[in-house]
Amino acid sequence: MSLNDYLFYVILPMLCLAVVLVAYRFFKGPSIVDRVIALDLLITIGIGIITIYSIMTKQSTFLDDAMILALIAFLGTVAFSYYLEKKEEQ
């Protein structure tokens, strides 16, 4: 079994299952904090899928997109935590 076969038949189905489970938590989440954490995890799984696609196609330009997506996710999480902190002070 080559690396591409392993990525395609083992890792990608696991990531797809993770997307389905986290999407359920995103829509069902009892609080806004659960939904933000689920959204952050969805973005992280998306970064993993982009990385695997980059490895399979041998095109490193997709890694730049994954890095930008990671930065946006990080800034979104920081902004949300800042919002929660300011909300608690009022």
PDB file of N, CA and C in Angstrom:
ATOM      1  N   MET A   1       0.846  -1.177   0.000  1.00  0.00           N
ATOM      2  CA  MET A   1       0.000   0.000   0.000  1.00  0.00           C
ATOM      3  C   MET A   1       0.890   1.239   0.000  1.00  0.00           C
ATOM      4  N   SER A   2       0.703   2.087  -0.979  1.00  0.00           N
ATOM      5  CA  SER A   2       1.523   3.295  -1.077  1.00  0.00           C
ATOM      6  C   SER A   2       0.945   4.392  -0.177  1.00  0.00           C
ATOM      7  N   LEU A   3       1.674   5.467  -0.085  1.00  0.00           N
ATOM      8  CA  LEU A   3       1.244   6.590   0.745  1.00  0.00           C
ATOM      9  C   LEU A   3      -0.060   7.182   0.219  1.00  0.00           C
ATOM     10  N   ASN A   4      -0.180   7.337  -1.086  1.00  0.00           N
ATOM     11  CA  ASN A   4      -1.412   7.899  -1.651  1.00  0.00           C
ATOM     12  C   ASN A   4      -2.617   7.001  -1.382  1.00  0.00           C
ATOM     13  N   ASP A   5      -2.430   5.695  -1.470  1.00  0.00           N
ATOM     14  CA  ASP A   5      -3.530   4.775  -1.162  1.00  0.00           C
ATOM     15  C   ASP A   5      -3.940   4.890   0.307  1.00  0.00           C
ATOM     16  N   TYR A   6      -2.954   4.956   1.181  1.00  0.00           N
ATOM     17  CA  TYR A   6      -3.231   5.083   2.610  1.00  0.00           C
ATOM     18  C   TYR A   6      -3.973   6.388   2.906  1.00  0.00           C
ATOM     19  N   LEU A   7      -3.538   7.475   2.297  1.00  0.00           N
ATOM     20  CA  LEU A   7      -4.204   8.753   2.517  1.00  0.00           C
ATOM     21  C   LEU A   7      -5.627   8.735   1.983  1.00  0.00           C
ATOM     22  N   PHE A   8      -5.810   8.137   0.818  1.00  0.00           N
ATOM     23  CA  PHE A   8      -7.122   8.153   0.164  1.00  0.00           C
ATOM     24  C   PHE A   8      -8.105   7.193   0.826  1.00  0.00           C
ATOM     25  N   TYR A   9      -7.662   6.013   1.230  1.00  0.00           N
ATOM     26  CA  TYR A   9      -8.576   4.998   1.740  1.00  0.00           C
ATOM     27  C   TYR A   9      -8.687   4.951   3.258  1.00  0.00           C
ATOM     28  N   VAL A  10      -7.760   5.572   3.978  1.00  0.00           N
ATOM     29  CA  VAL A  10      -7.808   5.515   5.442  1.00  0.00           C
ATOM     30  C   VAL A  10      -8.010   6.904   6.048  1.00  0.00           C
ATOM     31  N   ILE A  11      -7.151   7.829   5.722  1.00  0.00           N
ATOM     32  CA  ILE A  11      -7.161   9.130   6.385  1.00  0.00           C
ATOM     33  C   ILE A  11      -8.342   9.990   5.937  1.00  0.00           C
ATOM     34  N   LEU A  12      -8.593  10.096   4.643  1.00  0.00           N
ATOM     35  CA  LEU A  12      -9.696  10.930   4.163  1.00  0.00           C
ATOM     36  C   LEU A  12     -11.071  10.465   4.664  1.00  0.00           C
ATOM     37  N   PRO A  13     -11.373   9.160   4.694  1.00  0.00           N
ATOM     38  CA  PRO A  13     -12.665   8.764   5.291  1.00  0.00           C
ATOM     39  C   PRO A  13     -12.769   9.105   6.776  1.00  0.00           C
ATOM     40  N   MET A  14     -11.664   9.002   7.495  1.00  0.00           N
ATOM     41  CA  MET A  14     -11.687   9.383   8.908  1.00  0.00           C
ATOM     42  C   MET A  14     -11.950  10.880   9.067  1.00  0.00           C
ATOM     43  N   LEU A  15     -11.332  11.687   8.222  1.00  0.00           N
ATOM     44  CA  LEU A  15     -11.567  13.127   8.285  1.00  0.00           C
ATOM     45  C   LEU A  15     -12.998  13.475   7.879  1.00  0.00           C
ATOM     46  N   CYS A  16     -13.546  12.763   6.913  1.00  0.00           N
ATOM     47  CA  CYS A  16     -14.939  13.009   6.513  1.00  0.00           C
ATOM     48  C   CYS A  16     -15.909  12.648   7.631  1.00  0.00           C
ATOM     49  N   LEU A  17     -15.641  11.566   8.331  1.00  0.00           N
ATOM     50  CA  LEU A  17     -16.466  11.199   9.476  1.00  0.00           C
ATOM     51  C   LEU A  17     -16.355  12.256  10.568  1.00  0.00           C
ATOM     52  N   ALA A  18     -15.153  12.764  10.780  1.00  0.00           N
ATOM     53  CA  ALA A  18     -14.956  13.819  11.777  1.00  0.00           C
ATOM     54  C   ALA A  18     -15.727  15.080  11.385  1.00  0.00           C
ATOM     55  N   VAL A  19     -15.756  15.408  10.102  1.00  0.00           N
ATOM     56  CA  VAL A  19     -16.516  16.578   9.652  1.00  0.00           C
ATOM     57  C   VAL A  19     -17.994  16.402   9.951  1.00  0.00           C
ATOM     58  N   VAL A  20     -18.527  15.215   9.700  1.00  0.00           N
ATOM     59  CA  VAL A  20     -19.944  14.963   9.951  1.00  0.00           C
ATOM     60  C   VAL A  20     -20.259  15.090  11.440  1.00  0.00           C
ATOM     61  N   LEU A  21     -19.420  14.507  12.290  1.00  0.00           N
ATOM     62  CA  LEU A  21     -19.662  14.564  13.731  1.00  0.00           C
ATOM     63  C   LEU A  21     -19.544  15.985  14.275  1.00  0.00           C
ATOM     64  N   VAL A  22     -18.553  16.717  13.828  1.00  0.00           N
ATOM     65  CA  VAL A  22     -18.365  18.089  14.306  1.00  0.00           C
ATOM     66  C   VAL A  22     -19.455  19.001  13.749  1.00  0.00           C
ATOM     67  N   ALA A  23     -19.899  18.766  12.525  1.00  0.00           N
ATOM     68  CA  ALA A  23     -20.996  19.563  11.966  1.00  0.00           C
ATOM     69  C   ALA A  23     -22.278  19.337  12.766  1.00  0.00           C
ATOM     70  N   TYR A  24     -22.492  18.119  13.224  1.00  0.00           N
ATOM     71  CA  TYR A  24     -23.641  17.848  14.093  1.00  0.00           C
ATOM     72  C   TYR A  24     -23.550  18.681  15.363  1.00  0.00           C
ATOM     73  N   ARG A  25     -22.359  18.727  15.967  1.00  0.00           N
ATOM     74  CA  ARG A  25     -22.181  19.523  17.182  1.00  0.00           C
ATOM     75  C   ARG A  25     -22.340  21.009  16.874  1.00  0.00           C
ATOM     76  N   PHE A  26     -21.936  21.423  15.691  1.00  0.00           N
ATOM     77  CA  PHE A  26     -22.058  22.833  15.320  1.00  0.00           C
ATOM     78  C   PHE A  26     -23.527  23.243  15.225  1.00  0.00           C
ATOM     79  N   PHE A  27     -24.357  22.405  14.641  1.00  0.00           N
ATOM     80  CA  PHE A  27     -25.767  22.752  14.499  1.00  0.00           C
ATOM     81  C   PHE A  27     -26.579  22.459  15.751  1.00  0.00           C
ATOM     82  N   LYS A  28     -26.170  21.492  16.532  1.00  0.00           N
ATOM     83  CA  LYS A  28     -26.920  21.069  17.713  1.00  0.00           C
ATOM     84  C   LYS A  28     -26.433  21.744  18.988  1.00  0.00           C
ATOM     85  N   GLY A  29     -25.232  22.323  18.968  1.00  0.00           N
ATOM     86  CA  GLY A  29     -24.590  22.856  20.161  1.00  0.00           C
ATOM     87  C   GLY A  29     -25.514  23.641  21.075  1.00  0.00           C
ATOM     88  N   PRO A  30     -25.505  23.324  22.352  1.00  0.00           N
ATOM     89  CA  PRO A  30     -26.431  24.014  23.257  1.00  0.00           C
ATOM     90  C   PRO A  30     -26.066  25.488  23.503  1.00  0.00           C
ATOM     91  N   SER A  31     -24.818  25.837  23.369  1.00  0.00           N
ATOM     92  CA  SER A  31     -24.433  27.229  23.625  1.00  0.00           C
ATOM     93  C   SER A  31     -23.584  27.752  22.470  1.00  0.00           C
ATOM     94  N   ILE A  32     -23.395  29.054  22.493  1.00  0.00           N
ATOM     95  CA  ILE A  32     -22.604  29.684  21.439  1.00  0.00           C
ATOM     96  C   ILE A  32     -21.131  29.283  21.547  1.00  0.00           C
ATOM     97  N   VAL A  33     -20.667  29.020  22.742  1.00  0.00           N
ATOM     98  CA  VAL A  33     -19.271  28.606  22.920  1.00  0.00           C
ATOM     99  C   VAL A  33     -19.026  27.254  22.255  1.00  0.00           C
ATOM    100  N   ASP A  34     -19.981  26.328  22.411  1.00  0.00           N
ATOM    101  CA  ASP A  34     -19.853  25.020  21.756  1.00  0.00           C
ATOM    102  C   ASP A  34     -19.815  25.163  20.240  1.00  0.00           C
ATOM    103  N   ARG A  35     -20.603  26.077  19.728  1.00  0.00           N
ATOM    104  CA  ARG A  35     -20.626  26.283  18.281  1.00  0.00           C
ATOM    105  C   ARG A  35     -19.336  26.899  17.772  1.00  0.00           C
ATOM    106  N   VAL A  36     -18.759  27.817  18.524  1.00  0.00           N
ATOM    107  CA  VAL A  36     -17.489  28.425  18.106  1.00  0.00           C
ATOM    108  C   VAL A  36     -16.369  27.396  18.148  1.00  0.00           C
ATOM    109  N   ILE A  37     -16.351  26.563  19.161  1.00  0.00           N
ATOM    110  CA  ILE A  37     -15.332  25.515  19.240  1.00  0.00           C
ATOM    111  C   ILE A  37     -15.506  24.522  18.093  1.00  0.00           C
ATOM    112  N   ALA A  38     -16.755  24.181  17.779  1.00  0.00           N
ATOM    113  CA  ALA A  38     -17.008  23.270  16.661  1.00  0.00           C
ATOM    114  C   ALA A  38     -16.579  23.900  15.337  1.00  0.00           C
ATOM    115  N   LEU A  39     -16.838  25.188  15.168  1.00  0.00           N
ATOM    116  CA  LEU A  39     -16.413  25.862  13.945  1.00  0.00           C
ATOM    117  C   LEU A  39     -14.891  25.882  13.837  1.00  0.00           C
ATOM    118  N   ASP A  40     -14.213  26.121  14.945  1.00  0.00           N
ATOM    119  CA  ASP A  40     -12.748  26.100  14.945  1.00  0.00           C
ATOM    120  C   ASP A  40     -12.237  24.703  14.588  1.00  0.00           C
ATOM    121  N   LEU A  41     -12.887  23.684  15.107  1.00  0.00           N
ATOM    122  CA  LEU A  41     -12.477  22.314  14.785  1.00  0.00           C
ATOM    123  C   LEU A  41     -12.783  21.960  13.330  1.00  0.00           C
ATOM    124  N   LEU A  42     -13.892  22.465  12.797  1.00  0.00           N
ATOM    125  CA  LEU A  42     -14.188  22.246  11.377  1.00  0.00           C
ATOM    126  C   LEU A  42     -13.116  22.865  10.490  1.00  0.00           C
ATOM    127  N   ILE A  43     -12.671  24.049  10.853  1.00  0.00           N
ATOM    128  CA  ILE A  43     -11.614  24.694  10.080  1.00  0.00           C
ATOM    129  C   ILE A  43     -10.317  23.901  10.187  1.00  0.00           C
ATOM    130  N   THR A  44     -10.026  23.383  11.364  1.00  0.00           N
ATOM    131  CA  THR A  44      -8.816  22.584  11.540  1.00  0.00           C
ATOM    132  C   THR A  44      -8.878  21.300  10.715  1.00  0.00           C
ATOM    133  N   ILE A  45     -10.034  20.650  10.684  1.00  0.00           N
ATOM    134  CA  ILE A  45     -10.190  19.454   9.858  1.00  0.00           C
ATOM    135  C   ILE A  45     -10.065  19.815   8.381  1.00  0.00           C
ATOM    136  N   GLY A  46     -10.612  20.959   8.001  1.00  0.00           N
ATOM    137  CA  GLY A  46     -10.469  21.431   6.628  1.00  0.00           C
ATOM    138  C   GLY A  46      -9.023  21.659   6.250  1.00  0.00           C
ATOM    139  N   ILE A  47      -8.240  22.161   7.187  1.00  0.00           N
ATOM    140  CA  ILE A  47      -6.805  22.341   6.948  1.00  0.00           C
ATOM    141  C   ILE A  47      -6.137  20.986   6.718  1.00  0.00           C
ATOM    142  N   GLY A  48      -6.553  19.993   7.495  1.00  0.00           N
ATOM    143  CA  GLY A  48      -6.018  18.647   7.291  1.00  0.00           C
ATOM    144  C   GLY A  48      -6.379  18.082   5.929  1.00  0.00           C
ATOM    145  N   ILE A  49      -7.606  18.311   5.486  1.00  0.00           N
ATOM    146  CA  ILE A  49      -8.034  17.824   4.171  1.00  0.00           C
ATOM    147  C   ILE A  49      -7.266  18.538   3.067  1.00  0.00           C
ATOM    148  N   ILE A  50      -7.079  19.835   3.205  1.00  0.00           N
ATOM    149  CA  ILE A  50      -6.295  20.584   2.215  1.00  0.00           C
ATOM    150  C   ILE A  50      -4.856  20.079   2.175  1.00  0.00           C
ATOM    151  N   THR A  51      -4.291  19.793   3.324  1.00  0.00           N
ATOM    152  CA  THR A  51      -2.913  19.297   3.385  1.00  0.00           C
ATOM    153  C   THR A  51      -2.794  17.935   2.711  1.00  0.00           C
ATOM    154  N   ILE A  52      -3.742  17.054   2.963  1.00  0.00           N
ATOM    155  CA  ILE A  52      -3.702  15.730   2.338  1.00  0.00           C
ATOM    156  C   ILE A  52      -3.864  15.850   0.831  1.00  0.00           C
ATOM    157  N   TYR A  53      -4.751  16.735   0.395  1.00  0.00           N
ATOM    158  CA  TYR A  53      -4.912  16.945  -1.044  1.00  0.00           C
ATOM    159  C   TYR A  53      -3.623  17.485  -1.658  1.00  0.00           C
ATOM    160  N   SER A  54      -2.941  18.351  -0.929  1.00  0.00           N
ATOM    161  CA  SER A  54      -1.667  18.892  -1.409  1.00  0.00           C
ATOM    162  C   SER A  54      -0.611  17.794  -1.527  1.00  0.00           C
ATOM    163  N   ILE A  55      -0.599  16.880  -0.591  1.00  0.00           N
ATOM    164  CA  ILE A  55       0.359  15.774  -0.647  1.00  0.00           C
ATOM    165  C   ILE A  55       0.031  14.844  -1.803  1.00  0.00           C
ATOM    166  N   MET A  56      -1.258  14.566  -1.995  1.00  0.00           N
ATOM    167  CA  MET A  56      -1.651  13.627  -3.050  1.00  0.00           C
ATOM    168  C   MET A  56      -1.388  14.181  -4.447  1.00  0.00           C
ATOM    169  N   THR A  57      -1.583  15.475  -4.630  1.00  0.00           N
ATOM    170  CA  THR A  57      -1.382  16.074  -5.953  1.00  0.00           C
ATOM    171  C   THR A  57       0.021  16.625  -6.149  1.00  0.00           C
ATOM    172  N   LYS A  58       0.823  16.621  -5.095  1.00  0.00           N
ATOM    173  CA  LYS A  58       2.204  17.126  -5.133  1.00  0.00           C
ATOM    174  C   LYS A  58       2.259  18.595  -5.568  1.00  0.00           C
ATOM    175  N   GLN A  59       1.306  19.379  -5.085  1.00  0.00           N
ATOM    176  CA  GLN A  59       1.282  20.815  -5.343  1.00  0.00           C
ATOM    177  C   GLN A  59       1.343  21.546  -4.010  1.00  0.00           C
ATOM    178  N   SER A  60       2.446  22.219  -3.783  1.00  0.00           N
ATOM    179  CA  SER A  60       2.646  22.865  -2.485  1.00  0.00           C
ATOM    180  C   SER A  60       1.902  24.182  -2.348  1.00  0.00           C
ATOM    181  N   THR A  61       1.285  24.669  -3.403  1.00  0.00           N
ATOM    182  CA  THR A  61       0.570  25.942  -3.301  1.00  0.00           C
ATOM    183  C   THR A  61      -0.654  25.834  -2.402  1.00  0.00           C
ATOM    184  N   PHE A  62      -1.216  24.637  -2.272  1.00  0.00           N
ATOM    185  CA  PHE A  62      -2.361  24.471  -1.388  1.00  0.00           C
ATOM    186  C   PHE A  62      -1.973  24.624   0.076  1.00  0.00           C
ATOM    187  N   LEU A  63      -0.716  24.390   0.407  1.00  0.00           N
ATOM    188  CA  LEU A  63      -0.271  24.569   1.784  1.00  0.00           C
ATOM    189  C   LEU A  63      -0.317  26.034   2.190  1.00  0.00           C
ATOM    190  N   ASP A  64      -0.104  26.937   1.245  1.00  0.00           N
ATOM    191  CA  ASP A  64      -0.234  28.360   1.538  1.00  0.00           C
ATOM    192  C   ASP A  64      -1.679  28.695   1.902  1.00  0.00           C
ATOM    193  N   ASP A  65      -2.619  28.114   1.177  1.00  0.00           N
ATOM    194  CA  ASP A  65      -4.024  28.336   1.489  1.00  0.00           C
ATOM    195  C   ASP A  65      -4.374  27.794   2.872  1.00  0.00           C
ATOM    196  N   ALA A  66      -3.828  26.643   3.204  1.00  0.00           N
ATOM    197  CA  ALA A  66      -4.083  26.057   4.518  1.00  0.00           C
ATOM    198  C   ALA A  66      -3.508  26.939   5.621  1.00  0.00           C
ATOM    199  N   MET A  67      -2.344  27.521   5.381  1.00  0.00           N
ATOM    200  CA  MET A  67      -1.738  28.394   6.375  1.00  0.00           C
ATOM    201  C   MET A  67      -2.565  29.664   6.575  1.00  0.00           C
ATOM    202  N   ILE A  68      -3.081  30.224   5.498  1.00  0.00           N
ATOM    203  CA  ILE A  68      -3.930  31.411   5.603  1.00  0.00           C
ATOM    204  C   ILE A  68      -5.219  31.077   6.344  1.00  0.00           C
ATOM    205  N   LEU A  69      -5.793  29.923   6.059  1.00  0.00           N
ATOM    206  CA  LEU A  69      -6.999  29.489   6.754  1.00  0.00           C
ATOM    207  C   LEU A  69      -6.734  29.302   8.248  1.00  0.00           C
ATOM    208  N   ALA A  70      -5.566  28.783   8.603  1.00  0.00           N
ATOM    209  CA  ALA A  70      -5.211  28.619  10.012  1.00  0.00           C
ATOM    210  C   ALA A  70      -5.076  29.977  10.703  1.00  0.00           C
ATOM    211  N   LEU A  71      -4.501  30.944  10.025  1.00  0.00           N
ATOM    212  CA  LEU A  71      -4.376  32.285  10.609  1.00  0.00           C
ATOM    213  C   LEU A  71      -5.745  32.925  10.814  1.00  0.00           C
ATOM    214  N   ILE A  72      -6.630  32.767   9.857  1.00  0.00           N
ATOM    215  CA  ILE A  72      -7.976  33.323   9.995  1.00  0.00           C
ATOM    216  C   ILE A  72      -8.719  32.652  11.149  1.00  0.00           C
ATOM    217  N   ALA A  73      -8.579  31.354  11.280  1.00  0.00           N
ATOM    218  CA  ALA A  73      -9.226  30.634  12.378  1.00  0.00           C
ATOM    219  C   ALA A  73      -8.676  31.093  13.724  1.00  0.00           C
ATOM    220  N   PHE A  74      -7.378  31.275  13.806  1.00  0.00           N
ATOM    221  CA  PHE A  74      -6.773  31.730  15.052  1.00  0.00           C
ATOM    222  C   PHE A  74      -7.268  33.123  15.423  1.00  0.00           C
ATOM    223  N   LEU A  75      -7.294  34.019  14.445  1.00  0.00           N
ATOM    224  CA  LEU A  75      -7.758  35.376  14.731  1.00  0.00           C
ATOM    225  C   LEU A  75      -9.233  35.391  15.106  1.00  0.00           C
ATOM    226  N   GLY A  76     -10.029  34.540  14.498  1.00  0.00           N
ATOM    227  CA  GLY A  76     -11.437  34.446  14.862  1.00  0.00           C
ATOM    228  C   GLY A  76     -11.627  33.951  16.282  1.00  0.00           C
ATOM    229  N   THR A  77     -10.841  32.985  16.695  1.00  0.00           N
ATOM    230  CA  THR A  77     -10.934  32.469  18.059  1.00  0.00           C
ATOM    231  C   THR A  77     -10.499  33.519  19.065  1.00  0.00           C
ATOM    232  N   VAL A  78      -9.440  34.243  18.762  1.00  0.00           N
ATOM    233  CA  VAL A  78      -8.979  35.307  19.654  1.00  0.00           C
ATOM    234  C   VAL A  78     -10.033  36.408  19.753  1.00  0.00           C
ATOM    235  N   ALA A  79     -10.639  36.787  18.628  1.00  0.00           N
ATOM    236  CA  ALA A  79     -11.677  37.821  18.641  1.00  0.00           C
ATOM    237  C   ALA A  79     -12.887  37.371  19.454  1.00  0.00           C
ATOM    238  N   PHE A  80     -13.260  36.107  19.330  1.00  0.00           N
ATOM    239  CA  PHE A  80     -14.404  35.617  20.100  1.00  0.00           C
ATOM    240  C   PHE A  80     -14.098  35.589  21.591  1.00  0.00           C
ATOM    241  N   SER A  81     -12.893  35.182  21.970  1.00  0.00           N
ATOM    242  CA  SER A  81     -12.547  35.181  23.394  1.00  0.00           C
ATOM    243  C   SER A  81     -12.492  36.605  23.945  1.00  0.00           C
ATOM    244  N   TYR A  82     -12.043  37.552  23.136  1.00  0.00           N
ATOM    245  CA  TYR A  82     -12.053  38.963  23.551  1.00  0.00           C
ATOM    246  C   TYR A  82     -13.496  39.440  23.741  1.00  0.00           C
ATOM    247  N   TYR A  83     -14.379  39.036  22.846  1.00  0.00           N
ATOM    248  CA  TYR A  83     -15.798  39.397  22.967  1.00  0.00           C
ATOM    249  C   TYR A  83     -16.401  38.824  24.242  1.00  0.00           C
ATOM    250  N   LEU A  84     -16.104  37.577  24.548  1.00  0.00           N
ATOM    251  CA  LEU A  84     -16.642  36.969  25.777  1.00  0.00           C
ATOM    252  C   LEU A  84     -16.104  37.644  27.022  1.00  0.00           C
ATOM    253  N   GLU A  85     -14.848  38.032  26.982  1.00  0.00           N
ATOM    254  CA  GLU A  85     -14.258  38.710  28.137  1.00  0.00           C
ATOM    255  C   GLU A  85     -14.926  40.074  28.357  1.00  0.00           C
ATOM    256  N   LYS A  86     -15.148  40.810  27.299  1.00  0.00           N
ATOM    257  CA  LYS A  86     -15.803  42.115  27.423  1.00  0.00           C
ATOM    258  C   LYS A  86     -17.263  41.959  27.832  1.00  0.00           C
ATOM    259  N   LYS A  87     -17.912  40.889  27.380  1.00  0.00           N
ATOM    260  CA  LYS A  87     -19.316  40.650  27.733  1.00  0.00           C
ATOM    261  C   LYS A  87     -19.456  40.356  29.214  1.00  0.00           C
ATOM    262  N   GLU A  88     -18.501  39.635  29.812  1.00  0.00           N
ATOM    263  CA  GLU A  88     -18.557  39.308  31.225  1.00  0.00           C
ATOM    264  C   GLU A  88     -18.304  40.512  32.104  1.00  0.00           C
ATOM    265  N   GLU A  89     -17.552  41.493  31.633  1.00  0.00           N
ATOM    266  CA  GLU A  89     -17.256  42.675  32.424  1.00  0.00           C
ATOM    267  C   GLU A  89     -18.475  43.581  32.571  1.00  0.00           C
ATOM    268  N   GLN A  90     -19.402  43.534  31.648  1.00  0.00           N
ATOM    269  CA  GLN A  90     -20.561  44.435  31.695  1.00  0.00           C
ATOM    270  C   GLN A  90     -21.582  43.984  32.662  1.00  0.00           C
TER     271      GLN A  90
END
